[in-house]
N, C-alpha and C. Protein backbone atom coordinates (compact mmCIF):
# COMPACT_ATOMS: atom_id res chain seq x y z
N MET A 1 109.84 174.36 56.51
CA MET A 1 108.42 173.87 56.78
C MET A 1 107.44 175.36 55.97
N PRO A 2 106.81 174.87 55.02
CA PRO A 2 106.12 176.05 54.55
C PRO A 2 105.24 176.35 55.17
N ASP A 3 104.82 177.58 55.38
CA ASP A 3 103.68 178.85 55.83
C ASP A 3 102.50 178.20 55.82
N THR A 4 101.76 178.09 56.64
CA THR A 4 100.28 177.37 56.51
C THR A 4 99.29 178.94 56.48
N PRO A 5 98.48 178.90 56.04
CA PRO A 5 97.56 180.02 56.04
C PRO A 5 96.81 180.04 57.56
N ASP A 6 96.43 181.00 58.06
CA ASP A 6 96.01 181.49 59.26
C ASP A 6 94.92 180.34 59.78
N VAL A 7 94.19 180.34 58.55
CA VAL A 7 92.58 179.48 58.80
C VAL A 7 93.30 177.97 59.40
N ALA A 8 94.18 177.38 58.97
CA ALA A 8 94.62 176.02 58.92
C ALA A 8 95.07 175.72 60.13
N ARG A 9 95.89 176.99 60.83
CA ARG A 9 96.68 176.76 61.86
C ARG A 9 95.68 176.85 62.77
N ARG A 10 94.64 177.46 62.87
CA ARG A 10 93.36 177.55 64.06
C ARG A 10 92.77 176.11 64.23
N GLY A 11 92.67 175.14 63.05
CA GLY A 11 92.32 173.91 63.26
C GLY A 11 90.92 174.05 62.43
N LEU A 12 90.53 174.96 61.40
CA LEU A 12 89.50 175.24 60.53
C LEU A 12 89.39 174.79 59.23
N SER A 13 88.51 174.12 58.62
CA SER A 13 88.53 173.73 57.41
C SER A 13 87.25 174.05 56.76
N ARG A 14 87.21 173.98 55.69
CA ARG A 14 86.13 174.38 54.69
C ARG A 14 84.87 173.50 54.90
N ARG A 15 85.17 172.40 55.47
CA ARG A 15 84.27 171.28 55.43
C ARG A 15 83.65 171.67 57.09
N ARG A 16 84.31 172.21 57.90
CA ARG A 16 84.06 172.24 59.42
C ARG A 16 83.13 173.91 59.42
N LEU A 17 83.42 174.52 58.31
CA LEU A 17 83.02 176.25 58.22
C LEU A 17 81.53 175.68 57.57
N MET A 18 81.26 174.87 56.40
CA MET A 18 80.16 174.67 55.84
C MET A 18 79.13 173.90 56.80
N PHE A 19 79.48 172.96 57.48
CA PHE A 19 78.50 172.37 58.67
C PHE A 19 78.65 173.56 59.60
N ASP A 20 79.10 174.19 60.49
CA ASP A 20 79.01 175.32 61.14
C ASP A 20 77.83 176.37 60.33
N MET A 21 77.73 176.30 59.54
CA MET A 21 76.82 177.68 59.03
C MET A 21 75.69 176.73 58.64
N ALA A 22 75.73 175.62 58.21
CA ALA A 22 74.37 175.01 57.88
C ALA A 22 73.62 174.30 59.49
N LEU A 23 74.68 174.19 60.40
CA LEU A 23 73.65 174.54 61.96
C LEU A 23 73.38 175.84 62.49
N ALA A 24 73.77 176.90 62.13
CA ALA A 24 73.41 178.03 62.28
C ALA A 24 72.20 178.45 61.94
N THR A 25 72.03 177.91 60.44
CA THR A 25 70.78 178.20 59.81
C THR A 25 69.83 177.24 60.06
N GLY A 26 70.15 176.21 60.23
CA GLY A 26 68.80 175.31 60.75
C GLY A 26 68.44 176.02 62.20
N ALA A 27 69.39 175.90 63.04
CA ALA A 27 68.68 176.72 64.19
C ALA A 27 68.15 177.98 64.04
N ALA A 28 68.53 178.67 63.08
CA ALA A 28 67.73 180.09 63.10
C ALA A 28 66.36 179.77 62.39
N GLY A 29 65.87 178.74 61.75
CA GLY A 29 64.96 178.68 61.12
C GLY A 29 63.80 178.07 62.06
N ILE A 30 64.37 177.36 63.10
CA ILE A 30 63.93 176.54 63.86
C ILE A 30 63.54 177.73 65.01
N LEU A 31 64.11 178.76 65.32
CA LEU A 31 63.86 179.95 66.22
C LEU A 31 62.99 180.50 65.66
N GLY A 32 62.82 180.75 64.45
CA GLY A 32 62.22 182.06 63.77
C GLY A 32 60.43 181.51 63.62
N ALA A 33 60.59 179.97 63.51
CA ALA A 33 59.15 179.33 63.46
C ALA A 33 58.73 179.40 64.70
N ASN A 34 59.22 179.39 66.05
CA ASN A 34 58.68 179.23 67.17
C ASN A 34 58.44 180.34 67.53
N LEU A 35 59.11 181.83 67.03
CA LEU A 35 58.74 182.91 67.29
C LEU A 35 57.31 183.12 66.58
N ALA A 36 56.93 183.09 65.48
CA ALA A 36 56.09 183.21 65.04
C ALA A 36 54.95 182.39 65.35
N ALA A 37 55.06 181.06 66.03
CA ALA A 37 53.89 180.40 66.44
C ALA A 37 53.63 181.21 67.76
N GLY A 38 54.63 181.29 68.24
CA GLY A 38 54.47 182.16 69.61
C GLY A 38 53.60 183.97 69.13
N ARG A 39 53.88 184.46 68.59
CA ARG A 39 53.43 185.58 68.33
C ARG A 39 51.41 185.24 68.08
N VAL A 40 51.29 184.33 67.23
CA VAL A 40 49.91 184.29 67.02
C VAL A 40 49.00 183.73 67.99
N ALA A 41 49.78 182.99 69.14
CA ALA A 41 49.14 182.29 69.86
C ALA A 41 49.19 183.65 71.28
N ALA A 42 50.11 184.67 71.38
CA ALA A 42 49.64 185.62 71.81
C ALA A 42 48.99 186.70 71.56
N ALA A 43 48.21 186.74 70.47
CA ALA A 43 47.18 187.85 69.72
C ALA A 43 46.45 188.04 70.79
N PRO A 44 46.39 189.23 70.86
CA PRO A 44 45.49 189.95 71.95
C PRO A 44 43.90 189.36 71.93
N SER A 45 43.13 189.13 72.99
CA SER A 45 41.67 188.93 72.64
C SER A 45 40.56 189.77 72.88
N LYS A 46 39.57 189.80 73.03
CA LYS A 46 38.37 190.78 72.96
C LYS A 46 38.69 191.01 74.65
N LEU A 47 38.37 192.28 75.29
CA LEU A 47 37.93 192.57 76.55
C LEU A 47 36.47 191.82 77.14
N ALA A 48 36.89 191.81 78.59
CA ALA A 48 35.10 191.61 79.20
C ALA A 48 34.47 192.55 79.26
N PRO A 49 33.36 192.96 79.00
CA PRO A 49 32.52 194.03 79.22
C PRO A 49 33.12 194.67 80.35
N GLY A 50 32.86 193.71 82.16
CA GLY A 50 33.06 194.48 83.21
C GLY A 50 34.25 194.92 83.33
N ASP A 51 35.43 194.69 82.42
CA ASP A 51 36.49 195.09 82.80
C ASP A 51 36.75 196.54 82.11
N ILE A 52 36.12 197.03 80.96
CA ILE A 52 36.07 198.51 80.82
C ILE A 52 34.69 199.51 81.02
N GLY A 53 33.97 198.46 81.86
CA GLY A 53 32.78 199.76 82.23
C GLY A 53 31.54 199.37 81.05
N TYR A 54 31.71 198.30 80.71
CA TYR A 54 30.45 198.30 79.48
C TYR A 54 29.18 198.47 80.53
N GLN A 55 28.10 199.15 79.57
CA GLN A 55 26.82 199.48 80.15
C GLN A 55 25.69 199.19 79.07
N THR A 56 24.59 198.73 79.18
CA THR A 56 23.78 198.49 77.85
C THR A 56 22.99 199.93 77.90
N THR A 57 22.95 201.09 78.11
CA THR A 57 22.58 202.12 78.06
C THR A 57 23.52 203.01 77.45
N PRO A 58 23.19 204.04 76.73
CA PRO A 58 24.56 205.02 76.40
C PRO A 58 24.60 206.08 77.57
N LYS A 59 25.69 206.90 77.18
CA LYS A 59 26.23 208.04 78.32
C LYS A 59 26.44 209.07 77.34
N GLY A 60 25.52 210.04 77.82
CA GLY A 60 25.22 211.17 77.03
C GLY A 60 24.55 211.05 75.45
N GLY A 61 25.99 211.71 74.57
CA GLY A 61 25.08 211.26 73.30
C GLY A 61 26.44 210.00 72.69
N GLN A 62 27.18 209.38 73.36
CA GLN A 62 27.87 208.36 73.22
C GLN A 62 27.33 207.19 73.13
N ARG A 63 27.06 206.26 72.38
CA ARG A 63 26.89 204.92 72.10
C ARG A 63 27.19 204.09 71.10
N CYS A 64 27.35 202.85 71.62
CA CYS A 64 28.20 202.05 70.72
C CYS A 64 27.98 201.92 68.91
N GLU A 65 26.76 202.29 68.75
CA GLU A 65 26.47 202.59 67.24
C GLU A 65 27.39 203.63 66.50
N LEU A 66 27.66 204.24 66.95
CA LEU A 66 28.59 205.78 66.78
C LEU A 66 29.71 205.66 66.91
N CYS A 67 30.44 204.37 67.76
CA CYS A 67 31.83 204.10 68.01
C CYS A 67 32.52 203.41 66.78
N VAL A 68 34.20 203.80 66.82
CA VAL A 68 34.94 202.93 65.38
C VAL A 68 34.87 201.83 65.60
N ASN A 69 34.71 201.28 66.94
CA ASN A 69 34.94 199.88 67.03
C ASN A 69 33.27 198.95 66.95
N TRP A 70 32.53 199.65 66.59
CA TRP A 70 31.45 198.98 66.83
C TRP A 70 31.01 198.06 65.29
N GLN A 71 30.62 196.66 65.14
CA GLN A 71 30.42 195.55 64.22
C GLN A 71 29.45 195.16 64.55
N PRO A 72 28.34 195.88 63.46
CA PRO A 72 26.78 195.49 63.28
C PRO A 72 26.69 193.92 63.02
N PRO A 73 25.75 193.52 63.52
CA PRO A 73 24.55 193.99 64.25
C PRO A 73 24.74 194.47 65.60
N SER A 74 25.09 193.44 66.13
CA SER A 74 25.67 193.53 67.84
C SER A 74 27.22 193.31 68.64
N SER A 75 28.13 193.30 67.80
CA SER A 75 29.71 192.65 67.86
C SER A 75 30.02 194.49 67.90
N CYS A 76 31.54 194.16 68.95
CA CYS A 76 32.65 195.05 69.03
C CYS A 76 33.92 194.32 68.41
N LYS A 77 34.82 195.28 68.35
CA LYS A 77 36.43 194.83 67.73
C LYS A 77 36.84 194.67 69.19
N THR A 78 36.43 195.38 70.06
CA THR A 78 37.20 194.91 71.20
C THR A 78 36.65 194.35 72.36
N VAL A 79 35.23 194.83 72.29
CA VAL A 79 34.74 193.95 73.69
C VAL A 79 33.99 192.81 73.49
N ALA A 80 33.81 191.62 74.39
CA ALA A 80 33.71 190.15 74.13
C ALA A 80 32.12 190.41 74.28
N GLY A 81 31.53 189.39 73.55
CA GLY A 81 30.09 189.11 73.88
C GLY A 81 29.00 189.93 72.87
N PRO A 82 27.98 189.66 73.12
CA PRO A 82 27.17 190.79 72.40
C PRO A 82 27.00 191.95 73.04
N ILE A 83 26.81 193.08 72.25
CA ILE A 83 26.97 194.46 72.06
C ILE A 83 25.61 194.96 71.84
N SER A 84 25.16 195.74 72.62
CA SER A 84 23.94 196.63 72.20
C SER A 84 24.35 197.76 71.59
N PRO A 85 23.53 198.14 70.77
CA PRO A 85 23.72 199.69 70.10
C PRO A 85 23.78 200.49 70.64
N THR A 86 22.98 200.77 71.97
CA THR A 86 22.39 201.61 72.52
C THR A 86 23.39 201.60 73.76
N GLY A 87 24.37 200.85 73.97
CA GLY A 87 25.29 200.79 74.95
C GLY A 87 26.45 201.65 74.81
N TRP A 88 27.22 201.26 76.12
CA TRP A 88 28.37 202.05 75.93
C TRP A 88 29.62 201.95 76.96
N CYS A 89 30.67 202.29 76.53
CA CYS A 89 31.82 201.45 77.21
C CYS A 89 32.83 202.64 77.50
N GLY A 90 34.14 202.39 78.23
CA GLY A 90 35.18 203.53 78.26
C GLY A 90 35.89 203.45 77.21
N LEU A 91 35.78 202.26 76.15
CA LEU A 91 36.89 202.59 74.84
C LEU A 91 36.16 203.23 73.47
N PHE A 92 35.10 204.15 74.35
CA PHE A 92 34.47 205.14 72.86
C PHE A 92 35.14 205.52 72.14
N VAL A 93 35.26 205.75 71.08
CA VAL A 93 35.64 206.58 70.02
C VAL A 93 34.83 207.03 69.15
N ARG A 94 34.51 208.13 68.97
CA ARG A 94 33.29 208.48 67.84
C ARG A 94 33.51 208.44 66.60
N LYS A 95 32.84 207.60 65.46
CA LYS A 95 33.07 207.91 64.24
C LYS A 95 33.21 208.87 63.59
N ARG A 96 34.29 208.94 62.43
CA ARG A 96 34.38 210.68 61.82
C ARG A 96 33.59 210.49 60.66
């Protein structure tokens, strides 16, 4: 009896190998698309003013219009809602 390759003895064939590779590639594509969609859905939102101690008055020389997160005329990159330029919160970081 002629020697058969190790692959044939294990019941593997080129057709089976190609099918398994196509299946794995498709599964990886679906998984990747779902992960990407999940990252978009899990993007952080702005914080509520009460959660970080926002106040409409400055704290010493610190006020929103001097902060790196300030977005004129009345917005913030990290705090939700209308923000006073003379307000202050616990996330204050002075612009350089």
